[in-house]
Amino acid sequence: MSGIELDELRKRLKIGMLVRCRIIEKVGDKRFVLRLKGHNILIEANQNFNVGDELVLKLKEKFPRMVFVDVNRETFDRVVFDKGKLVVY
């Protein structure tokens, strides 16, 4: 995702907003492509997902990096956009 695309996505999102996204491809061990608001984003996860899994994420921070919480899982799980990819904890 380019910086321009990331800026566009940030403009569309508000803190506290819930967004639906879906795992569309598994590209490696705990690496996936996530479809979020019309953008395909590479994520690395500390947990496994299946292609087709739908997630509901809540935006906690926009800057300096986007931080999401996965509201379908335990409260300690979070998704962080850092260095060009989302990382799921």
Protein backbone atom coordinates (compact mmCIF):
# COMPACT_ATOMS: atom_id res chain seq x y z
CA MET A 1 0.00 0.00 0.00
CA SER A 2 1.51 3.32 -1.03
CA GLY A 3 1.65 6.37 1.21
CA ILE A 4 -1.05 8.04 -0.89
CA GLU A 5 -3.38 5.06 -0.47
CA LEU A 6 -2.66 4.98 3.26
CA ASP A 7 -3.50 8.69 3.56
CA GLU A 8 -6.74 8.10 1.64
CA LEU A 9 -7.68 5.24 3.97
CA ARG A 10 -6.88 7.33 7.08
CA LYS A 11 -9.17 10.11 5.81
CA ARG A 12 -12.04 7.63 5.50
CA LEU A 13 -11.64 6.27 9.03
CA LYS A 14 -12.52 7.89 12.36
CA ILE A 15 -11.30 6.94 15.84
CA GLY A 16 -13.75 4.45 17.39
CA MET A 17 -15.15 3.46 14.00
CA LEU A 18 -15.96 -0.22 13.47
CA VAL A 19 -14.91 -1.62 10.10
CA ARG A 20 -15.59 -5.00 8.58
CA CYS A 21 -12.80 -6.70 6.71
CA ARG A 22 -12.12 -10.14 5.30
CA ILE A 23 -9.12 -12.42 4.89
CA ILE A 24 -8.87 -12.93 1.12
CA GLU A 25 -5.60 -14.82 0.75
CA LYS A 26 -3.00 -16.72 2.76
CA VAL A 27 0.46 -15.83 1.43
CA GLY A 28 2.69 -17.61 3.94
CA ASP A 29 2.98 -18.87 7.47
CA LYS A 30 0.78 -16.45 9.43
CA ARG A 31 0.84 -13.92 6.56
CA PHE A 32 -2.42 -12.92 4.94
CA VAL A 33 -4.01 -10.38 2.62
CA LEU A 34 -6.84 -8.48 4.28
CA ARG A 35 -9.52 -6.57 2.34
CA LEU A 36 -10.34 -3.37 4.26
CA LYS A 37 -12.46 -0.53 2.85
CA GLY A 38 -11.56 -1.37 -0.75
CA HIS A 39 -7.85 -1.84 -0.03
CA ASN A 40 -5.85 -5.06 0.05
CA ILE A 41 -3.43 -4.96 2.98
CA LEU A 42 -0.71 -7.46 3.85
CA ILE A 43 -0.86 -8.53 7.50
CA GLU A 44 1.36 -10.64 9.70
CA ALA A 45 -0.48 -12.38 12.53
CA ASN A 46 0.46 -14.19 15.71
CA GLN A 47 -2.63 -16.33 15.17
CA ASN A 48 -4.06 -18.28 12.27
CA PHE A 49 -6.89 -17.13 10.07
CA ASN A 50 -8.70 -18.91 7.27
CA VAL A 51 -9.43 -17.45 3.85
CA GLY A 52 -12.91 -15.98 4.09
CA ASP A 53 -12.73 -15.15 7.80
CA GLU A 54 -14.50 -11.89 8.51
CA LEU A 55 -13.20 -9.56 11.19
CA VAL A 56 -14.71 -6.52 12.85
CA LEU A 57 -11.99 -4.05 13.78
CA LYS A 58 -12.27 -0.90 15.89
CA LEU A 59 -9.88 1.95 15.11
CA LYS A 60 -8.04 3.07 18.26
CA GLU A 61 -5.32 5.32 16.76
CA LYS A 62 -4.62 6.89 13.36
CA PHE A 63 -1.17 8.40 13.92
CA PRO A 64 1.71 7.78 13.88
CA ARG A 65 0.42 4.34 12.88
CA MET A 66 -3.06 2.89 12.59
CA VAL A 67 -3.98 0.66 15.52
CA PHE A 68 -7.06 -1.57 15.41
CA VAL A 69 -8.66 -3.84 18.01
CA ASP A 70 -10.32 -7.04 16.78
CA VAL A 71 -13.70 -6.91 18.55
CA ASN A 72 -14.48 -10.57 17.70
CA ARG A 73 -11.56 -11.92 19.72
CA GLU A 74 -10.07 -11.46 23.17
CA THR A 75 -9.51 -7.88 24.28
CA PHE A 76 -5.73 -8.24 24.19
CA ASP A 77 -5.75 -8.94 20.46
CA ARG A 78 -5.04 -5.92 18.31
CA VAL A 79 -4.10 -5.07 14.76
CA VAL A 80 -1.39 -2.47 14.13
CA PHE A 81 -0.47 -0.90 10.78
CA ASP A 82 3.30 -0.46 10.99
CA LYS A 83 6.00 -0.19 8.33
CA GLY A 84 3.67 -0.92 5.44
CA LYS A 85 1.78 -3.87 6.93
CA LEU A 86 -0.79 -4.73 9.55
CA VAL A 87 0.38 -6.84 12.48
CA VAL A 88 -2.22 -8.80 14.46
CA TYR A 89 -1.44 -9.52 18.13
